[in-house]
N, C-alpha and C. Protein backbone atom coordinates (compact mmCIF):
# COMPACT_ATOMS: atom_id res chain seq x y z
N MET A 1 137.80 0.30 -167.74
CA MET A 1 138.29 -0.78 -167.63
C MET A 1 138.67 -1.66 -169.20
N ASP A 2 140.00 -2.42 -169.21
CA ASP A 2 139.63 -3.22 -170.40
C ASP A 2 139.30 -4.14 -170.60
N ILE A 3 138.84 -4.69 -171.86
CA ILE A 3 138.03 -6.07 -172.41
C ILE A 3 138.73 -7.26 -171.83
N ALA A 4 140.02 -7.65 -172.01
CA ALA A 4 140.47 -8.42 -171.70
C ALA A 4 140.51 -8.67 -170.16
N LEU A 5 140.97 -7.22 -169.59
CA LEU A 5 140.47 -7.87 -168.15
C LEU A 5 139.38 -8.28 -167.12
N ARG A 6 138.52 -7.24 -168.18
CA ARG A 6 137.36 -7.53 -167.72
C ARG A 6 136.64 -9.07 -168.17
N GLU A 7 137.07 -9.30 -168.87
CA GLU A 7 137.23 -11.25 -168.95
C GLU A 7 137.47 -12.28 -168.29
N ALA A 8 138.93 -11.82 -168.07
CA ALA A 8 139.46 -12.62 -167.26
C ALA A 8 138.99 -12.41 -165.67
N ALA A 9 138.34 -11.12 -165.64
CA ALA A 9 137.69 -11.62 -163.94
C ALA A 9 136.38 -12.14 -164.03
N LEU A 10 135.89 -12.26 -164.68
CA LEU A 10 134.18 -12.91 -165.00
C LEU A 10 134.72 -14.37 -164.24
N PRO A 11 135.69 -15.05 -165.07
CA PRO A 11 135.67 -16.40 -164.29
C PRO A 11 135.89 -16.83 -163.17
N ALA A 12 137.05 -15.92 -162.36
CA ALA A 12 137.09 -15.93 -160.72
C ALA A 12 136.08 -15.25 -159.83
N LYS A 13 135.17 -14.47 -160.60
CA LYS A 13 134.04 -14.16 -160.18
C LYS A 13 132.98 -15.27 -160.04
N LYS A 14 132.74 -16.38 -160.80
CA LYS A 14 132.13 -17.68 -160.93
C LYS A 14 132.45 -18.42 -160.22
N TYR A 15 133.92 -18.44 -160.06
CA TYR A 15 134.59 -19.64 -159.30
C TYR A 15 134.36 -18.95 -157.33
N ILE A 16 134.43 -17.65 -157.42
CA ILE A 16 134.36 -17.36 -155.74
C ILE A 16 133.24 -17.31 -155.39
N THR A 17 131.99 -17.49 -156.37
CA THR A 17 130.33 -17.24 -155.94
C THR A 17 129.93 -18.73 -155.93
N TRP A 18 130.89 -19.91 -156.48
CA TRP A 18 130.09 -20.97 -156.18
C TRP A 18 130.76 -21.97 -154.73
N ALA A 19 132.12 -20.91 -154.56
CA ALA A 19 132.96 -21.39 -153.22
C ALA A 19 132.01 -21.03 -152.52
N ALA A 20 132.09 -19.61 -152.64
CA ALA A 20 131.08 -19.20 -151.30
C ALA A 20 129.66 -20.68 -150.89
N VAL A 21 128.96 -20.60 -152.08
CA VAL A 21 127.56 -21.50 -151.93
C VAL A 21 127.59 -22.69 -151.24
N ALA A 22 129.16 -23.50 -151.84
CA ALA A 22 129.12 -24.45 -151.13
C ALA A 22 129.68 -24.43 -149.32
N PHE A 23 130.02 -23.49 -149.40
CA PHE A 23 130.73 -22.94 -147.91
C PHE A 23 129.64 -23.10 -147.03
N VAL A 24 128.21 -22.17 -147.66
CA VAL A 24 127.39 -21.69 -147.00
C VAL A 24 126.38 -23.44 -147.15
N ALA A 25 126.26 -24.11 -147.65
CA ALA A 25 125.72 -25.84 -147.98
C ALA A 25 126.74 -26.47 -147.11
N PHE A 26 127.54 -26.69 -146.61
CA PHE A 26 128.97 -27.18 -145.44
C PHE A 26 128.31 -27.03 -144.33
N TYR A 27 128.06 -25.93 -144.39
CA TYR A 27 127.83 -25.12 -142.96
C TYR A 27 126.21 -25.56 -143.23
N MET A 28 125.31 -25.65 -143.37
CA MET A 28 124.01 -25.58 -143.01
C MET A 28 123.79 -27.33 -143.10
N ILE A 29 124.58 -28.24 -143.80
CA ILE A 29 124.70 -29.24 -143.18
C ILE A 29 125.37 -29.58 -141.94
N LYS A 30 126.16 -29.25 -141.27
CA LYS A 30 127.27 -29.78 -140.47
C LYS A 30 126.80 -29.04 -139.21
N HIS A 31 126.17 -27.88 -139.32
CA HIS A 31 125.78 -26.93 -138.33
C HIS A 31 124.19 -26.63 -138.59
N PRO A 32 123.11 -26.76 -138.36
CA PRO A 32 121.92 -26.64 -138.77
C PRO A 32 121.34 -25.65 -137.85
N ASP A 33 121.51 -25.94 -136.72
CA ASP A 33 121.46 -25.26 -135.40
C ASP A 33 121.79 -23.33 -135.68
N GLY A 34 122.94 -23.72 -136.00
CA GLY A 34 123.75 -22.04 -136.39
C GLY A 34 123.35 -21.57 -137.69
N ALA A 35 123.32 -22.29 -138.41
CA ALA A 35 122.81 -22.01 -140.04
C ALA A 35 121.31 -21.14 -139.52
N ALA A 36 120.49 -22.17 -139.15
CA ALA A 36 119.21 -21.65 -138.66
C ALA A 36 119.21 -19.96 -137.45
N ARG A 37 120.06 -20.12 -136.43
CA ARG A 37 120.12 -18.72 -135.64
C ARG A 37 120.84 -17.70 -136.64
N SER A 38 121.72 -18.10 -137.51
CA SER A 38 122.07 -16.97 -138.86
C SER A 38 121.04 -16.41 -139.12
N VAL A 39 120.37 -16.86 -140.02
CA VAL A 39 119.49 -16.78 -140.55
C VAL A 39 118.11 -16.02 -139.92
N GLN A 40 117.77 -16.39 -138.52
CA GLN A 40 116.85 -15.84 -137.64
C GLN A 40 117.62 -14.25 -137.46
N THR A 41 118.89 -14.47 -137.42
CA THR A 41 119.47 -13.18 -136.98
C THR A 41 119.22 -12.12 -137.98
N ALA A 42 119.52 -12.78 -139.04
CA ALA A 42 119.94 -11.63 -140.47
C ALA A 42 117.81 -11.31 -140.62
N ALA A 43 116.96 -11.93 -140.14
CA ALA A 43 115.55 -11.24 -140.83
C ALA A 43 116.18 -11.17 -139.54
N ASP A 44 115.85 -10.90 -138.43
CA ASP A 44 115.41 -9.95 -137.50
C ASP A 44 116.11 -8.68 -137.70
N GLY A 45 117.43 -8.53 -137.90
CA GLY A 45 117.92 -6.92 -138.82
C GLY A 45 117.13 -6.48 -139.81
N ILE A 46 116.66 -7.01 -140.74
CA ILE A 46 115.97 -6.66 -142.12
C ILE A 46 114.91 -5.89 -141.17
N SER A 47 114.10 -6.60 -140.13
CA SER A 47 112.70 -6.36 -140.03
C SER A 47 113.08 -4.88 -139.05
N SER A 48 113.71 -5.11 -137.85
CA SER A 48 114.45 -3.52 -137.61
C SER A 48 114.87 -2.26 -138.55
N ALA A 49 115.82 -2.85 -139.57
CA ALA A 49 115.90 -2.08 -140.39
C ALA A 49 114.20 -0.93 -140.89
N ALA A 50 113.77 -2.25 -141.76
CA ALA A 50 112.28 -2.06 -142.19
C ALA A 50 111.10 -0.84 -141.36
N GLY A 51 111.47 -1.48 -140.06
CA GLY A 51 110.69 -0.75 -138.67
C GLY A 51 111.20 0.74 -138.79
N SER A 52 112.86 0.55 -139.01
CA SER A 52 113.25 2.44 -138.57
C SER A 52 113.21 3.25 -140.09
N LEU A 53 112.84 2.50 -140.99
CA LEU A 53 112.62 3.32 -142.15
C LEU A 53 111.52 3.26 -142.39
N ALA A 54 110.29 2.98 -142.08
CA ALA A 54 108.91 3.46 -141.73
C ALA A 54 108.80 4.24 -140.83
N THR A 55 109.41 4.48 -140.07
CA THR A 55 108.99 5.29 -138.54
C THR A 55 109.82 6.63 -139.13
N PHE A 56 110.65 6.43 -140.28
CA PHE A 56 111.74 7.92 -140.57
C PHE A 56 110.23 8.29 -141.50
N VAL A 57 109.92 7.40 -142.36
CA VAL A 57 109.33 8.30 -143.47
C VAL A 57 107.71 8.97 -143.11
N THR A 58 107.21 8.06 -141.74
CA THR A 58 106.43 8.49 -141.00
C THR A 58 106.40 10.17 -140.47
N GLU A 59 107.55 9.98 -140.17
CA GLU A 59 107.78 11.16 -139.47
C GLU A 59 108.44 12.43 -140.59
N ILE A 60 108.67 12.02 -141.39
CA ILE A 60 109.10 13.21 -142.76
C ILE A 60 107.48 13.25 -142.98
N GLY A 61 106.52 13.02 -143.11
CA GLY A 61 105.20 13.24 -143.95
C GLY A 61 104.45 13.14 -143.11
């Protein structure tokens, strides 16, 4: 990748990151119940994936 192109992409990435953070903060302030459900759903998914991985590793060994 060209150095100039890479350097030009960095500010865009920073702006997108800040926009995402601002959106999440806005969503949490305006819809705390929905934000809590989203976090709970994500945590349940991670927990399920970890359980499946543990079962897989146990069955291998």
